[in-house]
Amino acid sequence: MKENSSVEEKTREDSSLPPVDNRKGKSDERRLIEAAQNGDKKAFGSLIRLHQKKLFRFVYGLTRSFDQSEDLVQESFVRAYQAIKTFRAEYAFYPWLATIARNLTYNHLHREEKKESLEKLEEVGFKPVDESLGPLEKLIDEEGKRRFYRALRAMPVKYRSVFVLRHFEGLDYATIGSYLKIPPGTVDSRLYRARQFLLEELKDLL
């Protein structure tokens, strides 16, 4: 029960999230949010369909487990629905949702680090959107791919989360900092540590 309260409290820490812009897509989303806050379950279902794939990619990048990610994404939407009235509609919905998912995933990883086969990872075609990884780049397209993901799985979660958001989601430092509640400078240092970790783990392949 304490864990649930902690997650819900963190979802209210959204003053640093980027505000919604005035483009049509965003205004449509805002109307869905307001309808969901008034109890419209169909509107919330539409929000799920808008963000489900992206949220799954994010969670999967942290857990490396297809089944665990499905459960965590589903639980994230349940928590979001329960807390939707606390959401401030002038802000973007996805960062708020990702914060819920991140907190749930961190709690899960701290309880249990289950291993998932790398075959599952490849089956869903999961690969970085930003492959400009320097010496690591060639590992994405060669036999070192399995080793790369095994090393990523072994990386401490605070470094892995920054690496996934940067190279798998293609987010900039400011947005990553907003998601993780850390300054851009910390994003930069953790990303550096993540890359150094991978280089050390894979040095025999480089």
N, C-alpha and C. Protein backbone atom coordinates (compact mmCIF):
# COMPACT_ATOMS: atom_id res chain seq x y z
N MET A 1 0.83 -1.20 0.00
CA MET A 1 0.00 0.00 0.00
C MET A 1 0.86 1.25 0.00
N LYS A 2 1.98 1.17 0.76
CA LYS A 2 2.91 2.29 0.81
C LYS A 2 3.49 2.58 -0.55
N GLU A 3 3.82 1.49 -1.29
CA GLU A 3 4.38 1.64 -2.63
C GLU A 3 3.41 2.34 -3.56
N ASN A 4 2.13 1.96 -3.50
CA ASN A 4 1.11 2.59 -4.35
C ASN A 4 1.00 4.07 -4.07
N SER A 5 1.04 4.44 -2.76
CA SER A 5 0.94 5.85 -2.40
C SER A 5 2.11 6.63 -2.94
N SER A 6 3.31 6.00 -2.88
CA SER A 6 4.50 6.67 -3.38
C SER A 6 4.39 6.97 -4.85
N VAL A 7 3.88 5.99 -5.62
CA VAL A 7 3.73 6.18 -7.06
C VAL A 7 2.75 7.29 -7.35
N GLU A 8 1.62 7.28 -6.64
CA GLU A 8 0.60 8.29 -6.90
C GLU A 8 1.08 9.68 -6.53
N GLU A 9 1.88 9.78 -5.44
CA GLU A 9 2.41 11.08 -5.06
C GLU A 9 3.35 11.62 -6.13
N LYS A 10 4.14 10.74 -6.72
CA LYS A 10 5.09 11.18 -7.73
C LYS A 10 4.39 11.67 -8.98
N THR A 11 3.20 11.13 -9.24
CA THR A 11 2.49 11.56 -10.45
C THR A 11 2.02 12.99 -10.35
N ARG A 12 2.01 13.54 -9.14
CA ARG A 12 1.56 14.91 -8.97
C ARG A 12 2.71 15.91 -9.14
N GLU A 13 3.94 15.41 -9.26
CA GLU A 13 5.10 16.27 -9.38
C GLU A 13 5.31 16.69 -10.83
N ASP A 14 4.32 17.31 -11.43
CA ASP A 14 4.36 17.52 -12.87
C ASP A 14 4.53 18.97 -13.28
N SER A 15 4.95 19.82 -12.36
CA SER A 15 5.07 21.23 -12.71
C SER A 15 6.14 21.47 -13.75
N SER A 16 7.10 20.51 -13.89
CA SER A 16 8.18 20.70 -14.86
C SER A 16 7.88 20.07 -16.22
N LEU A 17 6.73 19.44 -16.36
CA LEU A 17 6.42 18.81 -17.63
C LEU A 17 6.10 19.85 -18.69
N PRO A 18 6.41 19.57 -19.95
CA PRO A 18 6.18 20.54 -21.01
C PRO A 18 4.69 20.78 -21.23
N PRO A 19 4.26 22.04 -21.37
CA PRO A 19 2.84 22.31 -21.60
C PRO A 19 2.41 21.87 -22.98
N VAL A 20 1.14 21.60 -23.11
CA VAL A 20 0.57 21.23 -24.40
C VAL A 20 0.63 22.43 -25.33
N ASP A 21 0.99 22.20 -26.62
CA ASP A 21 1.00 23.31 -27.57
C ASP A 21 -0.39 23.44 -28.19
N ASN A 22 -0.53 24.35 -29.14
CA ASN A 22 -1.85 24.67 -29.67
C ASN A 22 -2.17 23.99 -31.00
N ARG A 23 -1.35 23.01 -31.40
CA ARG A 23 -1.63 22.32 -32.65
C ARG A 23 -2.88 21.47 -32.51
N LYS A 24 -3.49 21.16 -33.66
CA LYS A 24 -4.78 20.47 -33.65
C LYS A 24 -4.71 19.14 -32.89
N GLY A 25 -3.65 18.36 -33.14
CA GLY A 25 -3.54 17.07 -32.48
C GLY A 25 -3.54 17.19 -30.97
N LYS A 26 -2.86 18.21 -30.50
CA LYS A 26 -2.79 18.43 -29.07
C LYS A 26 -4.14 18.88 -28.52
N SER A 27 -4.84 19.74 -29.24
CA SER A 27 -6.13 20.19 -28.75
C SER A 27 -7.13 19.04 -28.72
N ASP A 28 -7.04 18.13 -29.68
CA ASP A 28 -7.89 16.94 -29.66
C ASP A 28 -7.58 16.10 -28.42
N GLU A 29 -6.29 15.94 -28.14
CA GLU A 29 -5.91 15.18 -26.95
C GLU A 29 -6.43 15.85 -25.69
N ARG A 30 -6.37 17.15 -25.66
CA ARG A 30 -6.83 17.88 -24.49
C ARG A 30 -8.32 17.66 -24.25
N ARG A 31 -9.09 17.61 -25.33
CA ARG A 31 -10.52 17.35 -25.19
C ARG A 31 -10.76 15.94 -24.65
N LEU A 32 -9.96 14.99 -25.10
CA LEU A 32 -10.08 13.63 -24.58
C LEU A 32 -9.76 13.58 -23.09
N ILE A 33 -8.72 14.30 -22.71
CA ILE A 33 -8.33 14.33 -21.29
C ILE A 33 -9.46 14.90 -20.44
N GLU A 34 -10.01 16.02 -20.89
CA GLU A 34 -11.08 16.66 -20.12
C GLU A 34 -12.31 15.76 -20.04
N ALA A 35 -12.61 15.05 -21.14
CA ALA A 35 -13.75 14.13 -21.12
C ALA A 35 -13.48 12.97 -20.16
N ALA A 36 -12.25 12.47 -20.17
CA ALA A 36 -11.89 11.37 -19.27
C ALA A 36 -11.98 11.83 -17.81
N GLN A 37 -11.59 13.06 -17.56
CA GLN A 37 -11.67 13.59 -16.20
C GLN A 37 -13.12 13.72 -15.73
N ASN A 38 -14.03 13.79 -16.69
CA ASN A 38 -15.46 13.86 -16.37
C ASN A 38 -16.12 12.49 -16.39
N GLY A 39 -15.30 11.44 -16.44
CA GLY A 39 -15.82 10.08 -16.33
C GLY A 39 -16.09 9.37 -17.63
N ASP A 40 -15.65 9.92 -18.75
CA ASP A 40 -15.88 9.29 -20.05
C ASP A 40 -14.83 8.21 -20.29
N LYS A 41 -15.22 6.94 -20.14
CA LYS A 41 -14.28 5.83 -20.29
C LYS A 41 -13.84 5.65 -21.74
N LYS A 42 -14.72 5.96 -22.68
CA LYS A 42 -14.34 5.85 -24.09
C LYS A 42 -13.24 6.84 -24.44
N ALA A 43 -13.31 8.04 -23.88
CA ALA A 43 -12.27 9.04 -24.12
C ALA A 43 -10.94 8.56 -23.57
N PHE A 44 -10.96 7.94 -22.39
CA PHE A 44 -9.72 7.43 -21.84
C PHE A 44 -9.19 6.28 -22.69
N GLY A 45 -10.10 5.48 -23.23
CA GLY A 45 -9.68 4.41 -24.15
C GLY A 45 -8.98 4.97 -25.37
N SER A 46 -9.43 6.11 -25.85
CA SER A 46 -8.79 6.75 -26.99
C SER A 46 -7.39 7.23 -26.61
N LEU A 47 -7.22 7.72 -25.39
CA LEU A 47 -5.90 8.13 -24.91
C LEU A 47 -4.96 6.92 -24.85
N ILE A 48 -5.50 5.80 -24.42
CA ILE A 48 -4.69 4.58 -24.38
C ILE A 48 -4.19 4.23 -25.78
N ARG A 49 -5.09 4.26 -26.75
CA ARG A 49 -4.71 3.90 -28.12
C ARG A 49 -3.67 4.87 -28.69
N LEU A 50 -3.72 6.13 -28.28
CA LEU A 50 -2.76 7.12 -28.76
C LEU A 50 -1.35 6.84 -28.25
N HIS A 51 -1.23 6.33 -27.04
CA HIS A 51 0.08 6.27 -26.39
C HIS A 51 0.56 4.87 -26.04
N GLN A 52 -0.23 3.86 -26.31
CA GLN A 52 0.10 2.52 -25.87
C GLN A 52 1.41 1.99 -26.45
N LYS A 53 1.59 2.14 -27.76
CA LYS A 53 2.80 1.61 -28.40
C LYS A 53 4.06 2.31 -27.91
N LYS A 54 3.99 3.62 -27.81
CA LYS A 54 5.15 4.38 -27.36
C LYS A 54 5.51 4.04 -25.92
N LEU A 55 4.48 3.92 -25.07
CA LEU A 55 4.73 3.59 -23.67
C LEU A 55 5.32 2.18 -23.54
N PHE A 56 4.82 1.27 -24.36
CA PHE A 56 5.36 -0.09 -24.32
C PHE A 56 6.83 -0.09 -24.70
N ARG A 57 7.19 0.66 -25.73
CA ARG A 57 8.60 0.73 -26.14
C ARG A 57 9.48 1.23 -25.00
N PHE A 58 9.00 2.24 -24.29
CA PHE A 58 9.76 2.82 -23.19
C PHE A 58 9.95 1.79 -22.07
N VAL A 59 8.86 1.17 -21.64
CA VAL A 59 8.93 0.20 -20.54
C VAL A 59 9.75 -1.02 -20.95
N TYR A 60 9.57 -1.45 -22.20
CA TYR A 60 10.31 -2.61 -22.67
C TYR A 60 11.81 -2.34 -22.71
N GLY A 61 12.18 -1.11 -22.99
CA GLY A 61 13.59 -0.75 -22.98
C GLY A 61 14.20 -0.86 -21.60
N LEU A 62 13.38 -0.73 -20.55
CA LEU A 62 13.88 -0.84 -19.19
C LEU A 62 13.84 -2.27 -18.66
N THR A 63 12.82 -3.02 -19.03
CA THR A 63 12.66 -4.37 -18.47
C THR A 63 13.27 -5.46 -19.32
N ARG A 64 13.34 -5.24 -20.64
CA ARG A 64 13.76 -6.22 -21.63
C ARG A 64 12.88 -7.46 -21.60
N SER A 65 11.69 -7.37 -21.05
CA SER A 65 10.78 -8.51 -20.95
C SER A 65 9.44 -8.16 -21.57
N PHE A 66 9.01 -8.90 -22.57
CA PHE A 66 7.75 -8.65 -23.25
C PHE A 66 6.58 -8.78 -22.28
N ASP A 67 6.52 -9.89 -21.54
CA ASP A 67 5.40 -10.15 -20.64
C ASP A 67 5.34 -9.14 -19.50
N GLN A 68 6.49 -8.85 -18.89
CA GLN A 68 6.52 -7.89 -17.79
C GLN A 68 6.11 -6.51 -18.29
N SER A 69 6.55 -6.16 -19.48
CA SER A 69 6.21 -4.84 -20.02
C SER A 69 4.72 -4.71 -20.28
N GLU A 70 4.11 -5.76 -20.81
CA GLU A 70 2.66 -5.73 -21.02
C GLU A 70 1.93 -5.49 -19.71
N ASP A 71 2.35 -6.20 -18.65
CA ASP A 71 1.70 -6.04 -17.35
C ASP A 71 1.90 -4.64 -16.78
N LEU A 72 3.12 -4.13 -16.91
CA LEU A 72 3.44 -2.81 -16.36
C LEU A 72 2.72 -1.70 -17.12
N VAL A 73 2.62 -1.84 -18.44
CA VAL A 73 1.90 -0.84 -19.23
C VAL A 73 0.43 -0.85 -18.86
N GLN A 74 -0.14 -2.04 -18.72
CA GLN A 74 -1.54 -2.13 -18.33
C GLN A 74 -1.77 -1.51 -16.96
N GLU A 75 -0.87 -1.82 -16.02
CA GLU A 75 -0.99 -1.24 -14.68
C GLU A 75 -0.82 0.28 -14.71
N SER A 76 0.05 0.77 -15.59
CA SER A 76 0.25 2.22 -15.71
C SER A 76 -1.03 2.91 -16.15
N PHE A 77 -1.74 2.31 -17.09
CA PHE A 77 -3.00 2.91 -17.54
C PHE A 77 -4.07 2.84 -16.45
N VAL A 78 -4.07 1.77 -15.67
CA VAL A 78 -5.01 1.68 -14.54
C VAL A 78 -4.73 2.80 -13.54
N ARG A 79 -3.44 2.99 -13.21
CA ARG A 79 -3.08 4.05 -12.26
C ARG A 79 -3.41 5.43 -12.83
N ALA A 80 -3.16 5.59 -14.12
CA ALA A 80 -3.46 6.88 -14.76
C ALA A 80 -4.95 7.17 -14.70
N TYR A 81 -5.76 6.16 -14.96
CA TYR A 81 -7.22 6.36 -14.91
C TYR A 81 -7.67 6.73 -13.50
N GLN A 82 -7.07 6.07 -12.51
CA GLN A 82 -7.42 6.35 -11.12
C GLN A 82 -7.02 7.76 -10.70
N ALA A 83 -5.94 8.27 -11.32
CA ALA A 83 -5.42 9.59 -10.92
C ALA A 83 -5.73 10.68 -11.95
N ILE A 84 -6.55 10.39 -12.96
CA ILE A 84 -6.74 11.32 -14.07
C ILE A 84 -7.26 12.68 -13.62
N LYS A 85 -8.05 12.72 -12.55
CA LYS A 85 -8.59 13.99 -12.10
C LYS A 85 -7.53 14.89 -11.48
N THR A 86 -6.39 14.32 -11.12
CA THR A 86 -5.30 15.13 -10.56
C THR A 86 -4.42 15.72 -11.66
N PHE A 87 -4.60 15.24 -12.90
CA PHE A 87 -3.77 15.71 -14.01
C PHE A 87 -4.19 17.11 -14.43
N ARG A 88 -3.21 17.96 -14.68
CA ARG A 88 -3.46 19.33 -15.11
C ARG A 88 -3.47 19.36 -16.64
N ALA A 89 -4.62 19.61 -17.20
CA ALA A 89 -4.83 19.45 -18.64
C ALA A 89 -4.02 20.40 -19.51
N GLU A 90 -3.41 21.44 -18.91
CA GLU A 90 -2.61 22.34 -19.74
C GLU A 90 -1.24 21.74 -20.06
N TYR A 91 -0.92 20.61 -19.46
CA TYR A 91 0.35 19.95 -19.72
C TYR A 91 0.17 18.75 -20.65
N ALA A 92 1.27 18.32 -21.25
CA ALA A 92 1.22 17.17 -22.15
C ALA A 92 0.94 15.89 -21.36
N PHE A 93 0.13 15.04 -21.93
CA PHE A 93 -0.31 13.83 -21.22
C PHE A 93 0.77 12.76 -21.16
N TYR A 94 1.49 12.55 -22.26
CA TYR A 94 2.42 11.43 -22.30
C TYR A 94 3.52 11.50 -21.24
N PRO A 95 4.17 12.66 -21.01
CA PRO A 95 5.19 12.70 -19.96
C PRO A 95 4.64 12.31 -18.58
N TRP A 96 3.42 12.74 -18.30
CA TRP A 96 2.77 12.37 -17.03
C TRP A 96 2.55 10.87 -16.96
N LEU A 97 2.06 10.30 -18.05
CA LEU A 97 1.84 8.86 -18.13
C LEU A 97 3.16 8.10 -18.02
N ALA A 98 4.19 8.60 -18.69
CA ALA A 98 5.50 7.94 -18.65
C ALA A 98 6.10 7.98 -17.25
N THR A 99 5.80 9.03 -16.49
CA THR A 99 6.28 9.12 -15.12
C THR A 99 5.66 8.02 -14.27
N ILE A 100 4.37 7.79 -14.45
CA ILE A 100 3.70 6.70 -13.74
C ILE A 100 4.34 5.37 -14.11
N ALA A 101 4.53 5.14 -15.41
CA ALA A 101 5.12 3.89 -15.88
C ALA A 101 6.54 3.72 -15.38
N ARG A 102 7.30 4.80 -15.40
CA ARG A 102 8.68 4.74 -14.92
C ARG A 102 8.73 4.35 -13.45
N ASN A 103 7.89 4.95 -12.63
CA ASN A 103 7.89 4.65 -11.19
C ASN A 103 7.50 3.20 -10.93
N LEU A 104 6.48 2.73 -11.64
CA LEU A 104 6.07 1.33 -11.49
C LEU A 104 7.18 0.38 -11.93
N THR A 105 7.85 0.72 -13.04
CA THR A 105 8.91 -0.14 -13.56
C THR A 105 10.10 -0.16 -12.62
N TYR A 106 10.48 1.00 -12.08
CA TYR A 106 11.59 1.04 -11.13
C TYR A 106 11.28 0.19 -9.90
N ASN A 107 10.06 0.32 -9.39
CA ASN A 107 9.67 -0.49 -8.23
C ASN A 107 9.77 -1.98 -8.55
N HIS A 108 9.33 -2.32 -9.75
CA HIS A 108 9.37 -3.72 -10.18
C HIS A 108 10.82 -4.21 -10.30
N LEU A 109 11.68 -3.40 -10.91
CA LEU A 109 13.06 -3.81 -11.11
C LEU A 109 13.81 -3.93 -9.80
N HIS A 110 13.45 -3.10 -8.85
CA HIS A 110 14.10 -3.17 -7.54
C HIS A 110 13.65 -4.41 -6.78
N ARG A 111 12.45 -4.89 -7.04
CA ARG A 111 11.97 -6.11 -6.38
C ARG A 111 12.56 -7.35 -7.02
N GLU A 112 12.64 -7.31 -8.33
CA GLU A 112 13.00 -8.54 -9.04
C GLU A 112 13.54 -8.25 -10.42
N GLU A 113 14.73 -8.76 -10.73
CA GLU A 113 15.33 -8.62 -12.06
C GLU A 113 15.19 -9.95 -12.79
N LYS A 114 14.03 -10.17 -13.39
CA LYS A 114 13.84 -11.41 -14.14
C LYS A 114 14.50 -11.28 -15.52
N LYS A 115 15.03 -12.36 -16.01
CA LYS A 115 15.68 -12.35 -17.31
C LYS A 115 14.72 -12.84 -18.39
N GLU A 116 14.76 -12.14 -19.52
CA GLU A 116 13.93 -12.50 -20.67
C GLU A 116 14.86 -12.83 -21.84
N SER A 117 14.51 -13.81 -22.64
CA SER A 117 15.36 -14.22 -23.74
C SER A 117 15.55 -13.08 -24.74
N LEU A 118 16.77 -13.00 -25.30
CA LEU A 118 17.05 -11.98 -26.29
C LEU A 118 16.31 -12.26 -27.59
N GLU A 119 15.86 -13.50 -27.79
CA GLU A 119 15.08 -13.81 -28.98
C GLU A 119 13.78 -13.02 -28.98
N LYS A 120 13.15 -12.87 -27.82
CA LYS A 120 11.92 -12.09 -27.73
C LYS A 120 12.18 -10.64 -28.14
N LEU A 121 13.33 -10.12 -27.69
CA LEU A 121 13.70 -8.75 -28.00
C LEU A 121 13.78 -8.55 -29.51
N GLU A 122 14.38 -9.52 -30.21
CA GLU A 122 14.54 -9.40 -31.64
C GLU A 122 13.24 -9.66 -32.39
N GLU A 123 12.36 -10.50 -31.81
CA GLU A 123 11.11 -10.82 -32.46
C GLU A 123 10.24 -9.59 -32.68
N VAL A 124 10.27 -8.66 -31.72
CA VAL A 124 9.43 -7.47 -31.86
C VAL A 124 10.13 -6.36 -32.64
N GLY A 125 11.34 -6.64 -33.11
CA GLY A 125 12.04 -5.65 -33.92
C GLY A 125 12.44 -4.41 -33.14
N PHE A 126 12.79 -4.59 -31.87
CA PHE A 126 13.11 -3.45 -31.02
C PHE A 126 14.55 -3.02 -31.24
N LYS A 127 14.76 -1.82 -31.73
CA LYS A 127 16.11 -1.33 -31.94
C LYS A 127 16.13 0.18 -31.75
N PRO A 128 17.30 0.76 -31.47
CA PRO A 128 17.37 2.19 -31.25
C PRO A 128 16.88 3.00 -32.45
N VAL A 129 16.21 4.13 -32.17
CA VAL A 129 15.85 5.04 -33.24
C VAL A 129 17.04 5.94 -33.58
N ASP A 130 17.94 6.08 -32.61
CA ASP A 130 19.15 6.87 -32.82
C ASP A 130 20.33 5.92 -32.74
N GLU A 131 20.90 5.57 -33.88
CA GLU A 131 21.98 4.59 -33.90
C GLU A 131 23.36 5.24 -33.98
N SER A 132 23.45 6.53 -33.72
CA SER A 132 24.73 7.23 -33.75
C SER A 132 25.46 7.00 -32.43
N LEU A 133 25.91 5.78 -32.22
CA LEU A 133 26.51 5.39 -30.96
C LEU A 133 28.04 5.30 -31.03
N GLY A 134 28.63 5.88 -32.04
CA GLY A 134 30.07 5.83 -32.16
C GLY A 134 30.54 4.40 -32.40
N PRO A 135 31.54 3.95 -31.62
CA PRO A 135 32.06 2.59 -31.82
C PRO A 135 31.01 1.51 -31.60
N LEU A 136 29.94 1.84 -30.85
CA LEU A 136 28.89 0.86 -30.58
C LEU A 136 27.97 0.64 -31.77
N GLU A 137 28.00 1.57 -32.72
CA GLU A 137 27.03 1.54 -33.82
C GLU A 137 27.07 0.24 -34.61
N LYS A 138 28.25 -0.27 -34.87
CA LYS A 138 28.34 -1.47 -35.71
C LYS A 138 27.76 -2.70 -35.03
N LEU A 139 27.64 -2.67 -33.71
CA LEU A 139 27.10 -3.82 -33.00
C LEU A 139 25.63 -4.03 -33.27
N ILE A 140 24.93 -2.95 -33.67
CA ILE A 140 23.49 -3.05 -33.89
C ILE A 140 23.19 -3.93 -35.11
N ASP A 141 24.08 -3.93 -36.10
CA ASP A 141 23.81 -4.63 -37.35
C ASP A 141 24.62 -5.91 -37.52
N GLU A 142 25.43 -6.28 -36.54
CA GLU A 142 26.29 -7.44 -36.69
C GLU A 142 26.01 -8.46 -35.59
N GLU A 143 26.86 -9.47 -35.51
CA GLU A 143 26.63 -10.55 -34.58
C GLU A 143 26.71 -10.10 -33.12
N GLY A 144 27.31 -8.95 -32.90
CA GLY A 144 27.41 -8.45 -31.53
C GLY A 144 26.10 -7.97 -30.95
N LYS A 145 25.02 -8.04 -31.70
CA LYS A 145 23.72 -7.55 -31.22
C LYS A 145 23.29 -8.22 -29.93
N ARG A 146 23.45 -9.52 -29.86
CA ARG A 146 23.06 -10.24 -28.66
C ARG A 146 23.88 -9.77 -27.46
N ARG A 147 25.16 -9.60 -27.70
CA ARG A 147 26.03 -9.13 -26.63
C ARG A 147 25.65 -7.73 -26.19
N PHE A 148 25.29 -6.90 -27.15
CA PHE A 148 24.90 -5.53 -26.85
C PHE A 148 23.71 -5.51 -25.88
N TYR A 149 22.68 -6.28 -26.19
CA TYR A 149 21.49 -6.28 -25.34
C TYR A 149 21.73 -6.97 -24.01
N ARG A 150 22.62 -7.94 -24.00
CA ARG A 150 22.96 -8.57 -22.73
C ARG A 150 23.68 -7.57 -21.83
N ALA A 151 24.56 -6.76 -22.41
CA ALA A 151 25.25 -5.73 -21.64
C ALA A 151 24.28 -4.65 -21.18
N LEU A 152 23.34 -4.28 -22.05
CA LEU A 152 22.34 -3.29 -21.68
C LEU A 152 21.51 -3.78 -20.50
N ARG A 153 21.19 -5.07 -20.50
CA ARG A 153 20.41 -5.66 -19.42
C ARG A 153 21.18 -5.61 -18.10
N ALA A 154 22.50 -5.73 -18.17
CA ALA A 154 23.32 -5.74 -16.96
C ALA A 154 23.62 -4.34 -16.43
N MET A 155 23.33 -3.32 -17.22
CA MET A 155 23.63 -1.94 -16.84
C MET A 155 22.76 -1.48 -15.67
N PRO A 156 23.31 -0.73 -14.70
CA PRO A 156 22.48 -0.18 -13.63
C PRO A 156 21.31 0.61 -14.19
N VAL A 157 20.14 0.49 -13.58
CA VAL A 157 18.92 1.02 -14.17
C VAL A 157 18.95 2.53 -14.35
N LYS A 158 19.64 3.26 -13.47
CA LYS A 158 19.64 4.73 -13.60
C LYS A 158 20.39 5.17 -14.86
N TYR A 159 21.38 4.38 -15.29
CA TYR A 159 22.08 4.68 -16.53
C TYR A 159 21.29 4.13 -17.73
N ARG A 160 20.73 2.94 -17.56
CA ARG A 160 19.98 2.31 -18.64
C ARG A 160 18.77 3.17 -19.04
N SER A 161 18.07 3.74 -18.07
CA SER A 161 16.88 4.53 -18.38
C SER A 161 17.23 5.75 -19.24
N VAL A 162 18.35 6.42 -18.94
CA VAL A 162 18.78 7.56 -19.73
C VAL A 162 19.19 7.11 -21.13
N PHE A 163 19.91 6.00 -21.22
CA PHE A 163 20.35 5.47 -22.51
C PHE A 163 19.16 5.11 -23.39
N VAL A 164 18.17 4.45 -22.80
CA VAL A 164 16.98 4.04 -23.55
C VAL A 164 16.21 5.25 -24.05
N LEU A 165 16.02 6.24 -23.19
CA LEU A 165 15.27 7.43 -23.59
C LEU A 165 15.98 8.20 -24.70
N ARG A 166 17.30 8.22 -24.63
CA ARG A 166 18.07 8.96 -25.64
C ARG A 166 18.15 8.19 -26.96
N HIS A 167 18.55 6.93 -26.90
CA HIS A 167 18.86 6.19 -28.12
C HIS A 167 17.71 5.33 -28.64
N PHE A 168 16.76 4.99 -27.79
CA PHE A 168 15.62 4.20 -28.24
C PHE A 168 14.40 5.08 -28.49
N GLU A 169 14.26 6.14 -27.72
CA GLU A 169 13.13 7.05 -27.91
C GLU A 169 13.52 8.31 -28.69
N GLY A 170 14.82 8.60 -28.78
CA GLY A 170 15.27 9.77 -29.54
C GLY A 170 14.96 11.09 -28.87
N LEU A 171 14.89 11.12 -27.53
CA LEU A 171 14.52 12.34 -26.82
C LEU A 171 15.75 13.22 -26.56
N ASP A 172 15.52 14.52 -26.46
CA ASP A 172 16.62 15.43 -26.14
C ASP A 172 16.87 15.44 -24.63
N TYR A 173 17.98 16.07 -24.24
CA TYR A 173 18.39 16.04 -22.83
C TYR A 173 17.35 16.70 -21.91
N ALA A 174 16.78 17.80 -22.37
CA ALA A 174 15.80 18.52 -21.54
C ALA A 174 14.57 17.66 -21.27
N THR A 175 14.09 16.96 -22.30
CA THR A 175 12.91 16.11 -22.14
C THR A 175 13.21 14.92 -21.24
N ILE A 176 14.38 14.33 -21.42
CA ILE A 176 14.79 13.21 -20.56
C ILE A 176 14.85 13.68 -19.11
N GLY A 177 15.44 14.85 -18.90
CA GLY A 177 15.51 15.40 -17.54
C GLY A 177 14.15 15.61 -16.94
N SER A 178 13.19 16.06 -17.77
CA SER A 178 11.82 16.26 -17.31
C SER A 178 11.18 14.94 -16.89
N TYR A 179 11.39 13.91 -17.69
CA TYR A 179 10.82 12.59 -17.37
C TYR A 179 11.39 12.05 -16.06
N LEU A 180 12.71 12.15 -15.91
CA LEU A 180 13.40 11.50 -14.79
C LEU A 180 13.59 12.41 -13.58
N LYS A 181 13.15 13.66 -13.70
CA LYS A 181 13.28 14.63 -12.60
C LYS A 181 14.74 14.85 -12.21
N ILE A 182 15.59 14.99 -13.23
CA ILE A 182 17.00 15.29 -13.01
C ILE A 182 17.41 16.39 -13.97
N PRO A 183 18.44 17.19 -13.62
CA PRO A 183 18.88 18.26 -14.52
C PRO A 183 19.57 17.71 -15.77
N PRO A 184 19.56 18.49 -16.86
CA PRO A 184 20.21 18.04 -18.10
C PRO A 184 21.67 17.64 -17.92
N GLY A 185 22.37 18.32 -17.00
CA GLY A 185 23.76 17.96 -16.75
C GLY A 185 23.90 16.54 -16.21
N THR A 186 22.96 16.14 -15.38
CA THR A 186 22.96 14.77 -14.86
C THR A 186 22.62 13.78 -15.95
N VAL A 187 21.72 14.17 -16.85
CA VAL A 187 21.41 13.33 -18.02
C VAL A 187 22.68 13.08 -18.80
N ASP A 188 23.43 14.14 -19.05
CA ASP A 188 24.66 14.04 -19.83
C ASP A 188 25.67 13.11 -19.15
N SER A 189 25.85 13.26 -17.85
CA SER A 189 26.84 12.44 -17.14
C SER A 189 26.41 10.98 -17.07
N ARG A 190 25.11 10.74 -16.89
CA ARG A 190 24.63 9.36 -16.84
C ARG A 190 24.71 8.69 -18.22
N LEU A 191 24.45 9.48 -19.25
CA LEU A 191 24.55 8.94 -20.60
C LEU A 191 26.00 8.57 -20.91
N TYR A 192 26.93 9.41 -20.46
CA TYR A 192 28.35 9.12 -20.63
C TYR A 192 28.72 7.82 -19.91
N ARG A 193 28.25 7.68 -18.66
CA ARG A 193 28.53 6.47 -17.89
C ARG A 193 27.94 5.24 -18.57
N ALA A 194 26.73 5.39 -19.12
CA ALA A 194 26.08 4.27 -19.81
C ALA A 194 26.91 3.82 -21.01
N ARG A 195 27.38 4.79 -21.79
CA ARG A 195 28.18 4.45 -22.97
C ARG A 195 29.50 3.81 -22.58
N GLN A 196 30.13 4.34 -21.50
CA GLN A 196 31.39 3.77 -21.04
C GLN A 196 31.20 2.35 -20.54
N PHE A 197 30.06 2.12 -19.87
CA PHE A 197 29.74 0.78 -19.39
C PHE A 197 29.66 -0.20 -20.56
N LEU A 198 28.95 0.20 -21.62
CA LEU A 198 28.81 -0.67 -22.78
C LEU A 198 30.15 -0.89 -23.48
N LEU A 199 30.92 0.17 -23.60
CA LEU A 199 32.23 0.04 -24.25
C LEU A 199 33.12 -0.93 -23.49
N GLU A 200 33.07 -0.86 -22.16
CA GLU A 200 33.88 -1.76 -21.35
C GLU A 200 33.40 -3.21 -21.49
N GLU A 201 32.07 -3.40 -21.49
CA GLU A 201 31.51 -4.74 -21.59
C GLU A 201 31.76 -5.36 -22.97
N LEU A 202 31.86 -4.52 -23.98
CA LEU A 202 31.93 -5.02 -25.35
C LEU A 202 33.28 -4.74 -26.01
N LYS A 203 34.29 -4.41 -25.22
CA LYS A 203 35.56 -3.96 -25.78
C LYS A 203 36.21 -5.04 -26.65
N ASP A 204 35.94 -6.31 -26.37
CA ASP A 204 36.55 -7.37 -27.18
C ASP A 204 35.93 -7.46 -28.56
N LEU A 205 34.78 -6.80 -28.77
CA LEU A 205 34.12 -6.83 -30.07
C LEU A 205 34.42 -5.60 -30.90
N LEU A 206 35.03 -4.59 -30.29
CA LEU A 206 35.23 -3.31 -30.97
C LEU A 206 36.58 -3.29 -31.70
